[in-house]
């Protein structure tokens, strides 16, 4: 984990909102897009950045991928 990469990922307001929601419980992209009023593709791009920074983990549940904060980070 590179601290600069983590801080840059968290600096965006939308990604910070996603992290706050995921700290409460896990969500799939569709649920996050409805909660935040953004498109699923926009949420997916933000999640990609957060995953690359090592902040999120994904677990496949049926058809959907559910995301949670990697608390070890």
C-alpha atoms as a PDB file:
ATOM      1  CA  UNK A   1       0.000   0.000   0.000  1.00  0.00           C
ATOM      2  CA  UNK A   2       1.340   3.362  -1.011  1.00  0.00           C
ATOM      3  CA  UNK A   3       0.143   6.187   1.238  1.00  0.00           C
ATOM      4  CA  UNK A   4       0.044   8.763  -1.567  1.00  0.00           C
ATOM      5  CA  UNK A   5      -2.145   6.504  -3.715  1.00  0.00           C
ATOM      6  CA  UNK A   6      -4.545   5.919  -0.811  1.00  0.00           C
ATOM      7  CA  UNK A   7      -4.830   9.613  -0.008  1.00  0.00           C
ATOM      8  CA  UNK A   8      -5.413  10.538  -3.656  1.00  0.00           C
ATOM      9  CA  UNK A   9      -8.155   7.910  -3.894  1.00  0.00           C
ATOM     10  CA  UNK A  10      -9.855   9.279  -0.785  1.00  0.00           C
ATOM     11  CA  UNK A  11      -9.505  12.927  -1.844  1.00  0.00           C
ATOM     12  CA  UNK A  12     -12.392  12.773  -4.310  1.00  0.00           C
ATOM     13  CA  UNK A  13     -15.718  13.686  -2.660  1.00  0.00           C
ATOM     14  CA  UNK A  14     -17.690  10.892  -4.340  1.00  0.00           C
ATOM     15  CA  UNK A  15     -15.128   8.230  -3.439  1.00  0.00           C
ATOM     16  CA  UNK A  16     -15.136   9.501   0.143  1.00  0.00           C
ATOM     17  CA  UNK A  17     -18.943   9.157   0.224  1.00  0.00           C
ATOM     18  CA  UNK A  18     -18.636   5.617  -1.135  1.00  0.00           C
ATOM     19  CA  UNK A  19     -16.143   4.756   1.604  1.00  0.00           C
ATOM     20  CA  UNK A  20     -18.425   6.188   4.297  1.00  0.00           C
ATOM     21  CA  UNK A  21     -21.341   4.089   3.032  1.00  0.00           C
ATOM     22  CA  UNK A  22     -19.223   0.959   2.801  1.00  0.00           C
ATOM     23  CA  UNK A  23     -17.975   1.405   6.356  1.00  0.00           C
ATOM     24  CA  UNK A  24     -21.583   0.936   7.513  1.00  0.00           C
ATOM     25  CA  UNK A  25     -22.340  -2.162   5.395  1.00  0.00           C
ATOM     26  CA  UNK A  26     -21.443  -3.770   2.090  1.00  0.00           C
ATOM     27  CA  UNK A  27     -23.129  -2.680  -1.141  1.00  0.00           C
ATOM     28  CA  UNK A  28     -23.186  -3.647  -4.794  1.00  0.00           C
ATOM     29  CA  UNK A  29     -22.647  -1.093  -7.581  1.00  0.00           C
ATOM     30  CA  UNK A  30     -26.373  -0.840  -8.315  1.00  0.00           C
ATOM     31  CA  UNK A  31     -27.242  -0.037  -4.680  1.00  0.00           C
ATOM     32  CA  UNK A  32     -24.456   2.547  -4.465  1.00  0.00           C
ATOM     33  CA  UNK A  33     -25.606   4.212  -7.681  1.00  0.00           C
ATOM     34  CA  UNK A  34     -29.153   4.519  -6.325  1.00  0.00           C
ATOM     35  CA  UNK A  35     -27.956   5.848  -2.958  1.00  0.00           C
ATOM     36  CA  UNK A  36     -25.650   8.456  -4.514  1.00  0.00           C
ATOM     37  CA  UNK A  37     -27.721   9.310  -7.594  1.00  0.00           C
ATOM     38  CA  UNK A  38     -24.933   8.465 -10.031  1.00  0.00           C
ATOM     39  CA  UNK A  39     -24.753   6.051 -12.944  1.00  0.00           C
ATOM     40  CA  UNK A  40     -23.518   2.523 -12.373  1.00  0.00           C
ATOM     41  CA  UNK A  41     -20.612   3.136 -14.738  1.00  0.00           C
ATOM     42  CA  UNK A  42     -19.501   6.188 -12.738  1.00  0.00           C
ATOM     43  CA  UNK A  43     -19.645   4.179  -9.501  1.00  0.00           C
ATOM     44  CA  UNK A  44     -17.668   1.365 -11.148  1.00  0.00           C
ATOM     45  CA  UNK A  45     -14.911   3.789 -12.137  1.00  0.00           C
ATOM     46  CA  UNK A  46     -14.694   5.150  -8.592  1.00  0.00           C
ATOM     47  CA  UNK A  47     -14.618   1.622  -7.171  1.00  0.00           C
ATOM     48  CA  UNK A  48     -11.812   0.727  -9.557  1.00  0.00           C
ATOM     49  CA  UNK A  49      -9.683   3.574  -8.153  1.00  0.00           C
ATOM     50  CA  UNK A  50     -10.481   2.572  -4.570  1.00  0.00           C
ATOM     51  CA  UNK A  51      -9.636  -1.083  -5.257  1.00  0.00           C
ATOM     52  CA  UNK A  52      -6.338  -0.172  -6.908  1.00  0.00           C
ATOM     53  CA  UNK A  53      -5.464   1.854  -3.797  1.00  0.00           C
ATOM     54  CA  UNK A  54      -6.155  -1.251  -1.690  1.00  0.00           C
ATOM     55  CA  UNK A  55      -9.121   0.250   0.154  1.00  0.00           C
ATOM     56  CA  UNK A  56     -11.865  -2.125  -1.012  1.00  0.00           C
ATOM     57  CA  UNK A  57     -12.438  -5.829  -1.324  1.00  0.00           C
ATOM     58  CA  UNK A  58     -15.127  -7.445  -3.451  1.00  0.00           C
ATOM     59  CA  UNK A  59     -17.098 -10.609  -2.781  1.00  0.00           C
ATOM     60  CA  UNK A  60     -19.221 -12.220  -5.476  1.00  0.00           C
ATOM     61  CA  UNK A  61     -22.753 -12.906  -4.212  1.00  0.00           C
ATOM     62  CA  UNK A  62     -24.841 -14.487  -6.934  1.00  0.00           C
ATOM     63  CA  UNK A  63     -24.971 -12.174  -9.906  1.00  0.00           C
ATOM     64  CA  UNK A  64     -23.604  -9.121  -8.080  1.00  0.00           C
ATOM     65  CA  UNK A  65     -20.232  -8.151  -6.680  1.00  0.00           C
ATOM     66  CA  UNK A  66     -20.569  -6.721  -3.175  1.00  0.00           C
ATOM     67  CA  UNK A  67     -17.891  -4.362  -1.926  1.00  0.00           C
ATOM     68  CA  UNK A  68     -16.634  -3.703   1.564  1.00  0.00           C
ATOM     69  CA  UNK A  69     -13.821  -1.652   3.069  1.00  0.00           C
ATOM     70  CA  UNK A  70     -10.606  -3.604   3.545  1.00  0.00           C
ATOM     71  CA  UNK A  71     -10.218  -2.848   7.212  1.00  0.00           C
ATOM     72  CA  UNK A  72      -6.697  -4.273   7.332  1.00  0.00           C
ATOM     73  CA  UNK A  73      -5.577  -1.293   5.228  1.00  0.00           C
END
